[in-house]
Amino acid sequence: MRVELSDSACLSPLVDDLLRGGCLPTRVDETTLEVFHPYAADAEEAQIELAFFLRAWQSAHPGVELTLAAG
């Protein structure tokens, strides 16, 4: 899954939180991550869980816009 952020300064904090959550983020560019969820049973579960995680993360960082796309 690809995650795009509106603020490049928030990329490192998001990476740290994704790692703590058991995901494997890889930086694509200054505002984009490719995220792998190794514990999801399939792509649909990975997308649902990542979307839930990102909504929670965004509520703690209200100035940052996130976009999730299958990658």
PDB file of N, CA and C in Angstrom:
ATOM      1  N   MET A   1       0.829  -1.159   0.000  1.00  0.00           N
ATOM      2  CA  MET A   1       0.000   0.000   0.000  1.00  0.00           C
ATOM      3  C   MET A   1       0.890   1.244   0.000  1.00  0.00           C
ATOM      4  N   ARG A   2       0.466   2.228  -0.736  1.00  0.00           N
ATOM      5  CA  ARG A   2       1.177   3.506  -0.735  1.00  0.00           C
ATOM      6  C   ARG A   2       0.453   4.494   0.153  1.00  0.00           C
ATOM      7  N   VAL A   3       1.228   5.239   0.904  1.00  0.00           N
ATOM      8  CA  VAL A   3       0.701   6.288   1.762  1.00  0.00           C
ATOM      9  C   VAL A   3       1.406   7.579   1.368  1.00  0.00           C
ATOM     10  N   GLU A   4       0.611   8.579   1.036  1.00  0.00           N
ATOM     11  CA  GLU A   4       1.162   9.891   0.704  1.00  0.00           C
ATOM     12  C   GLU A   4       0.766  10.875   1.797  1.00  0.00           C
ATOM     13  N   LEU A   5       1.718  11.694   2.212  1.00  0.00           N
ATOM     14  CA  LEU A   5       1.507  12.689   3.258  1.00  0.00           C
ATOM     15  C   LEU A   5       1.561  14.081   2.659  1.00  0.00           C
ATOM     16  N   SER A   6       0.815  14.998   3.240  1.00  0.00           N
ATOM     17  CA  SER A   6       0.836  16.381   2.783  1.00  0.00           C
ATOM     18  C   SER A   6       2.025  17.149   3.362  1.00  0.00           C
ATOM     19  N   ASP A   7       2.664  16.608   4.397  1.00  0.00           N
ATOM     20  CA  ASP A   7       3.751  17.303   5.090  1.00  0.00           C
ATOM     21  C   ASP A   7       4.940  16.365   5.247  1.00  0.00           C
ATOM     22  N   SER A   8       6.009  16.666   4.534  1.00  0.00           N
ATOM     23  CA  SER A   8       7.194  15.792   4.569  1.00  0.00           C
ATOM     24  C   SER A   8       7.835  15.721   5.953  1.00  0.00           C
ATOM     25  N   ALA A   9       7.621  16.734   6.788  1.00  0.00           N
ATOM     26  CA  ALA A   9       8.195  16.722   8.141  1.00  0.00           C
ATOM     27  C   ALA A   9       7.588  15.624   9.000  1.00  0.00           C
ATOM     28  N   CYS A  10       6.431  15.114   8.618  1.00  0.00           N
ATOM     29  CA  CYS A  10       5.752  14.069   9.392  1.00  0.00           C
ATOM     30  C   CYS A  10       6.084  12.658   8.913  1.00  0.00           C
ATOM     31  N   LEU A  11       6.912  12.546   7.888  1.00  0.00           N
ATOM     32  CA  LEU A  11       7.231  11.220   7.358  1.00  0.00           C
ATOM     33  C   LEU A  11       7.962  10.351   8.383  1.00  0.00           C
ATOM     34  N   SER A  12       8.988  10.875   9.001  1.00  0.00           N
ATOM     35  CA  SER A  12       9.746  10.086   9.992  1.00  0.00           C
ATOM     36  C   SER A  12       8.897   9.672  11.191  1.00  0.00           C
ATOM     37  N   PRO A  13       8.078  10.572  11.761  1.00  0.00           N
ATOM     38  CA  PRO A  13       7.216  10.124  12.856  1.00  0.00           C
ATOM     39  C   PRO A  13       6.228   9.028  12.428  1.00  0.00           C
ATOM     40  N   LEU A  14       5.710   9.129  11.210  1.00  0.00           N
ATOM     41  CA  LEU A  14       4.803   8.092  10.733  1.00  0.00           C
ATOM     42  C   LEU A  14       5.543   6.770  10.549  1.00  0.00           C
ATOM     43  N   VAL A  15       6.733   6.809  10.008  1.00  0.00           N
ATOM     44  CA  VAL A  15       7.543   5.597   9.858  1.00  0.00           C
ATOM     45  C   VAL A  15       7.766   4.941  11.214  1.00  0.00           C
ATOM     46  N   ASP A  16       8.143   5.733  12.206  1.00  0.00           N
ATOM     47  CA  ASP A  16       8.381   5.195  13.550  1.00  0.00           C
ATOM     48  C   ASP A  16       7.124   4.519  14.108  1.00  0.00           C
ATOM     49  N   ASP A  17       5.978   5.171  13.945  1.00  0.00           N
ATOM     50  CA  ASP A  17       4.731   4.609  14.463  1.00  0.00           C
ATOM     51  C   ASP A  17       4.316   3.352  13.702  1.00  0.00           C
ATOM     52  N   LEU A  18       4.525   3.337  12.397  1.00  0.00           N
ATOM     53  CA  LEU A  18       4.209   2.136  11.617  1.00  0.00           C
ATOM     54  C   LEU A  18       5.094   0.961  12.042  1.00  0.00           C
ATOM     55  N   LEU A  19       6.371   1.220  12.269  1.00  0.00           N
ATOM     56  CA  LEU A  19       7.276   0.159  12.727  1.00  0.00           C
ATOM     57  C   LEU A  19       6.836  -0.384  14.081  1.00  0.00           C
ATOM     58  N   ARG A  20       6.460   0.513  15.003  1.00  0.00           N
ATOM     59  CA  ARG A  20       5.969   0.071  16.311  1.00  0.00           C
ATOM     60  C   ARG A  20       4.681  -0.741  16.167  1.00  0.00           C
ATOM     61  N   GLY A  21       3.901  -0.456  15.131  1.00  0.00           N
ATOM     62  CA  GLY A  21       2.655  -1.173  14.891  1.00  0.00           C
ATOM     63  C   GLY A  21       2.838  -2.477  14.130  1.00  0.00           C
ATOM     64  N   GLY A  22       4.075  -2.843  13.815  1.00  0.00           N
ATOM     65  CA  GLY A  22       4.344  -4.110  13.148  1.00  0.00           C
ATOM     66  C   GLY A  22       4.346  -4.045  11.636  1.00  0.00           C
ATOM     67  N   CYS A  23       4.232  -2.846  11.070  1.00  0.00           N
ATOM     68  CA  CYS A  23       4.269  -2.694   9.614  1.00  0.00           C
ATOM     69  C   CYS A  23       5.701  -2.437   9.154  1.00  0.00           C
ATOM     70  N   LEU A  24       5.922  -2.629   7.865  1.00  0.00           N
ATOM     71  CA  LEU A  24       7.243  -2.412   7.284  1.00  0.00           C
ATOM     72  C   LEU A  24       7.152  -1.314   6.230  1.00  0.00           C
ATOM     73  N   PRO A  25       7.438  -0.055   6.623  1.00  0.00           N
ATOM     74  CA  PRO A  25       7.375   1.052   5.677  1.00  0.00           C
ATOM     75  C   PRO A  25       8.698   1.240   4.937  1.00  0.00           C
ATOM     76  N   THR A  26       8.611   1.591   3.667  1.00  0.00           N
ATOM     77  CA  THR A  26       9.770   1.915   2.855  1.00  0.00           C
ATOM     78  C   THR A  26       9.532   3.278   2.225  1.00  0.00           C
ATOM     79  N   ARG A  27      10.495   4.145   2.359  1.00  0.00           N
ATOM     80  CA  ARG A  27      10.367   5.492   1.805  1.00  0.00           C
ATOM     81  C   ARG A  27      10.489   5.447   0.280  1.00  0.00           C
ATOM     82  N   VAL A  28       9.516   6.033  -0.402  1.00  0.00           N
ATOM     83  CA  VAL A  28       9.528   6.131  -1.860  1.00  0.00           C
ATOM     84  C   VAL A  28      10.104   7.480  -2.275  1.00  0.00           C
ATOM     85  N   ASP A  29       9.636   8.535  -1.625  1.00  0.00           N
ATOM     86  CA  ASP A  29      10.163   9.884  -1.821  1.00  0.00           C
ATOM     87  C   ASP A  29       9.895  10.682  -0.546  1.00  0.00           C
ATOM     88  N   GLU A  30       9.981  12.002  -0.619  1.00  0.00           N
ATOM     89  CA  GLU A  30       9.891  12.820   0.598  1.00  0.00           C
ATOM     90  C   GLU A  30       8.512  12.826   1.249  1.00  0.00           C
ATOM     91  N   THR A  31       7.473  12.423   0.514  1.00  0.00           N
ATOM     92  CA  THR A  31       6.128  12.437   1.084  1.00  0.00           C
ATOM     93  C   THR A  31       5.377  11.125   0.872  1.00  0.00           C
ATOM     94  N   THR A  32       6.075  10.091   0.407  1.00  0.00           N
ATOM     95  CA  THR A  32       5.392   8.837   0.079  1.00  0.00           C
ATOM     96  C   THR A  32       6.104   7.642   0.691  1.00  0.00           C
ATOM     97  N   LEU A  33       5.289   6.726   1.235  1.00  0.00           N
ATOM     98  CA  LEU A  33       5.786   5.464   1.769  1.00  0.00           C
ATOM     99  C   LEU A  33       5.101   4.302   1.061  1.00  0.00           C
ATOM    100  N   GLU A  34       5.805   3.221   0.928  1.00  0.00           N
ATOM    101  CA  GLU A  34       5.217   1.942   0.545  1.00  0.00           C
ATOM    102  C   GLU A  34       5.183   1.149   1.850  1.00  0.00           C
ATOM    103  N   VAL A  35       4.006   0.658   2.225  1.00  0.00           N
ATOM    104  CA  VAL A  35       3.851  -0.004   3.519  1.00  0.00           C
ATOM    105  C   VAL A  35       3.393  -1.448   3.317  1.00  0.00           C
ATOM    106  N   PHE A  36       4.111  -2.363   3.941  1.00  0.00           N
ATOM    107  CA  PHE A  36       3.775  -3.786   3.919  1.00  0.00           C
ATOM    108  C   PHE A  36       3.330  -4.190   5.318  1.00  0.00           C
ATOM    109  N   HIS A  37       2.205  -4.876   5.387  1.00  0.00           N
ATOM    110  CA  HIS A  37       1.680  -5.354   6.669  1.00  0.00           C
ATOM    111  C   HIS A  37       1.875  -6.876   6.700  1.00  0.00           C
ATOM    112  N   PRO A  38       2.952  -7.349   7.317  1.00  0.00           N
ATOM    113  CA  PRO A  38       3.297  -8.775   7.242  1.00  0.00           C
ATOM    114  C   PRO A  38       2.343  -9.704   7.977  1.00  0.00           C
ATOM    115  N   TYR A  39       1.523  -9.172   8.871  1.00  0.00           N
ATOM    116  CA  TYR A  39       0.649 -10.037   9.659  1.00  0.00           C
ATOM    117  C   TYR A  39      -0.771 -10.121   9.108  1.00  0.00           C
ATOM    118  N   ALA A  40      -1.054  -9.387   8.043  1.00  0.00           N
ATOM    119  CA  ALA A  40      -2.390  -9.432   7.438  1.00  0.00           C
ATOM    120  C   ALA A  40      -2.542 -10.732   6.648  1.00  0.00           C
ATOM    121  N   ALA A  41      -3.747 -11.290   6.688  1.00  0.00           N
ATOM    122  CA  ALA A  41      -4.017 -12.545   5.982  1.00  0.00           C
ATOM    123  C   ALA A  41      -4.011 -12.368   4.469  1.00  0.00           C
ATOM    124  N   ASP A  42      -4.420 -11.179   4.015  1.00  0.00           N
ATOM    125  CA  ASP A  42      -4.460 -10.917   2.570  1.00  0.00           C
ATOM    126  C   ASP A  42      -4.432  -9.401   2.350  1.00  0.00           C
ATOM    127  N   ALA A  43      -4.465  -8.994   1.078  1.00  0.00           N
ATOM    128  CA  ALA A  43      -4.370  -7.569   0.743  1.00  0.00           C
ATOM    129  C   ALA A  43      -5.554  -6.775   1.287  1.00  0.00           C
ATOM    130  N   GLU A  44      -6.731  -7.376   1.288  1.00  0.00           N
ATOM    131  CA  GLU A  44      -7.910  -6.667   1.790  1.00  0.00           C
ATOM    132  C   GLU A  44      -7.773  -6.381   3.289  1.00  0.00           C
ATOM    133  N   GLU A  45      -7.343  -7.376   4.037  1.00  0.00           N
ATOM    134  CA  GLU A  45      -7.141  -7.169   5.476  1.00  0.00           C
ATOM    135  C   GLU A  45      -6.059  -6.125   5.723  1.00  0.00           C
ATOM    136  N   ALA A  46      -4.988  -6.177   4.939  1.00  0.00           N
ATOM    137  CA  ALA A  46      -3.915  -5.193   5.093  1.00  0.00           C
ATOM    138  C   ALA A  46      -4.442  -3.786   4.858  1.00  0.00           C
ATOM    139  N   GLN A  47      -5.256  -3.613   3.835  1.00  0.00           N
ATOM    140  CA  GLN A  47      -5.787  -2.291   3.528  1.00  0.00           C
ATOM    141  C   GLN A  47      -6.721  -1.804   4.636  1.00  0.00           C
ATOM    142  N   ILE A  48      -7.576  -2.667   5.136  1.00  0.00           N
ATOM    143  CA  ILE A  48      -8.506  -2.290   6.204  1.00  0.00           C
ATOM    144  C   ILE A  48      -7.739  -1.899   7.465  1.00  0.00           C
ATOM    145  N   GLU A  49      -6.776  -2.717   7.861  1.00  0.00           N
ATOM    146  CA  GLU A  49      -6.019  -2.430   9.082  1.00  0.00           C
ATOM    147  C   GLU A  49      -5.160  -1.182   8.939  1.00  0.00           C
ATOM    148  N   LEU A  50      -4.554  -1.017   7.767  1.00  0.00           N
ATOM    149  CA  LEU A  50      -3.727   0.169   7.564  1.00  0.00           C
ATOM    150  C   LEU A  50      -4.594   1.429   7.530  1.00  0.00           C
ATOM    151  N   ALA A  51      -5.751   1.356   6.905  1.00  0.00           N
ATOM    152  CA  ALA A  51      -6.660   2.511   6.876  1.00  0.00           C
ATOM    153  C   ALA A  51      -7.088   2.882   8.300  1.00  0.00           C
ATOM    154  N   PHE A  52      -7.393   1.890   9.122  1.00  0.00           N
ATOM    155  CA  PHE A  52      -7.767   2.135  10.513  1.00  0.00           C
ATOM    156  C   PHE A  52      -6.607   2.798  11.269  1.00  0.00           C
ATOM    157  N   PHE A  53      -5.408   2.254  11.100  1.00  0.00           N
ATOM    158  CA  PHE A  53      -4.222   2.803  11.758  1.00  0.00           C
ATOM    159  C   PHE A  53      -4.004   4.252  11.335  1.00  0.00           C
ATOM    160  N   LEU A  54      -4.118   4.519  10.031  1.00  0.00           N
ATOM    161  CA  LEU A  54      -3.856   5.864   9.525  1.00  0.00           C
ATOM    162  C   LEU A  54      -4.905   6.871   9.993  1.00  0.00           C
ATOM    163  N   ARG A  55      -6.166   6.448  10.117  1.00  0.00           N
ATOM    164  CA  ARG A  55      -7.191   7.349  10.651  1.00  0.00           C
ATOM    165  C   ARG A  55      -6.848   7.729  12.087  1.00  0.00           C
ATOM    166  N   ALA A  56      -6.424   6.762  12.875  1.00  0.00           N
ATOM    167  CA  ALA A  56      -6.036   7.039  14.258  1.00  0.00           C
ATOM    168  C   ALA A  56      -4.804   7.946  14.301  1.00  0.00           C
ATOM    169  N   TRP A  57      -3.831   7.670  13.444  1.00  0.00           N
ATOM    170  CA  TRP A  57      -2.615   8.484  13.408  1.00  0.00           C
ATOM    171  C   TRP A  57      -2.955   9.911  13.006  1.00  0.00           C
ATOM    172  N   GLN A  58      -3.821  10.040  12.016  1.00  0.00           N
ATOM    173  CA  GLN A  58      -4.176  11.373  11.534  1.00  0.00           C
ATOM    174  C   GLN A  58      -4.941  12.166  12.597  1.00  0.00           C
ATOM    175  N   SER A  59      -5.723  11.500  13.416  1.00  0.00           N
ATOM    176  CA  SER A  59      -6.442  12.217  14.472  1.00  0.00           C
ATOM    177  C   SER A  59      -5.461  12.812  15.488  1.00  0.00           C
ATOM    178  N   ALA A  60      -4.310  12.203  15.641  1.00  0.00           N
ATOM    179  CA  ALA A  60      -3.275  12.732  16.525  1.00  0.00           C
ATOM    180  C   ALA A  60      -2.406  13.784  15.829  1.00  0.00           C
ATOM    181  N   HIS A  61      -2.530  13.893  14.505  1.00  0.00           N
ATOM    182  CA  HIS A  61      -1.770  14.857  13.696  1.00  0.00           C
ATOM    183  C   HIS A  61      -2.751  15.552  12.748  1.00  0.00           C
ATOM    184  N   PRO A  62      -3.656  16.370  13.290  1.00  0.00           N
ATOM    185  CA  PRO A  62      -4.768  16.900  12.498  1.00  0.00           C
ATOM    186  C   PRO A  62      -4.370  17.796  11.328  1.00  0.00           C
ATOM    187  N   GLY A  63      -3.184  18.337  11.316  1.00  0.00           N
ATOM    188  CA  GLY A  63      -2.765  19.198  10.208  1.00  0.00           C
ATOM    189  C   GLY A  63      -2.223  18.445   9.010  1.00  0.00           C
ATOM    190  N   VAL A  64      -2.108  17.119   9.129  1.00  0.00           N
ATOM    191  CA  VAL A  64      -1.511  16.312   8.064  1.00  0.00           C
ATOM    192  C   VAL A  64      -2.593  15.568   7.305  1.00  0.00           C
ATOM    193  N   GLU A  65      -2.552  15.658   5.989  1.00  0.00           N
ATOM    194  CA  GLU A  65      -3.485  14.905   5.157  1.00  0.00           C
ATOM    195  C   GLU A  65      -2.763  13.657   4.665  1.00  0.00           C
ATOM    196  N   LEU A  66      -3.476  12.527   4.706  1.00  0.00           N
ATOM    197  CA  LEU A  66      -2.920  11.253   4.259  1.00  0.00           C
ATOM    198  C   LEU A  66      -3.785  10.697   3.137  1.00  0.00           C
ATOM    199  N   THR A  67      -3.138  10.054   2.181  1.00  0.00           N
ATOM    200  CA  THR A  67      -3.834   9.367   1.112  1.00  0.00           C
ATOM    201  C   THR A  67      -3.314   7.940   1.058  1.00  0.00           C
ATOM    202  N   LEU A  68      -4.220   6.977   1.075  1.00  0.00           N
ATOM    203  CA  LEU A  68      -3.860   5.561   1.004  1.00  0.00           C
ATOM    204  C   LEU A  68      -4.285   5.029  -0.357  1.00  0.00           C
ATOM    205  N   ALA A  69      -3.349   4.354  -1.027  1.00  0.00           N
ATOM    206  CA  ALA A  69      -3.659   3.782  -2.342  1.00  0.00           C
ATOM    207  C   ALA A  69      -3.009   2.407  -2.442  1.00  0.00           C
ATOM    208  N   ALA A  70      -3.700   1.489  -3.115  1.00  0.00           N
ATOM    209  CA  ALA A  70      -3.111   0.176  -3.357  1.00  0.00           C
ATOM    210  C   ALA A  70      -1.881   0.377  -4.239  1.00  0.00           C
ATOM    211  N   GLY A  71      -0.844  -0.342  -3.934  1.00  0.00           N
ATOM    212  CA  GLY A  71       0.383  -0.120  -4.696  1.00  0.00           C
ATOM    213  C   GLY A  71       0.999  -1.354  -5.224  1.00  0.00           C
TER     214      GLY A  71
END
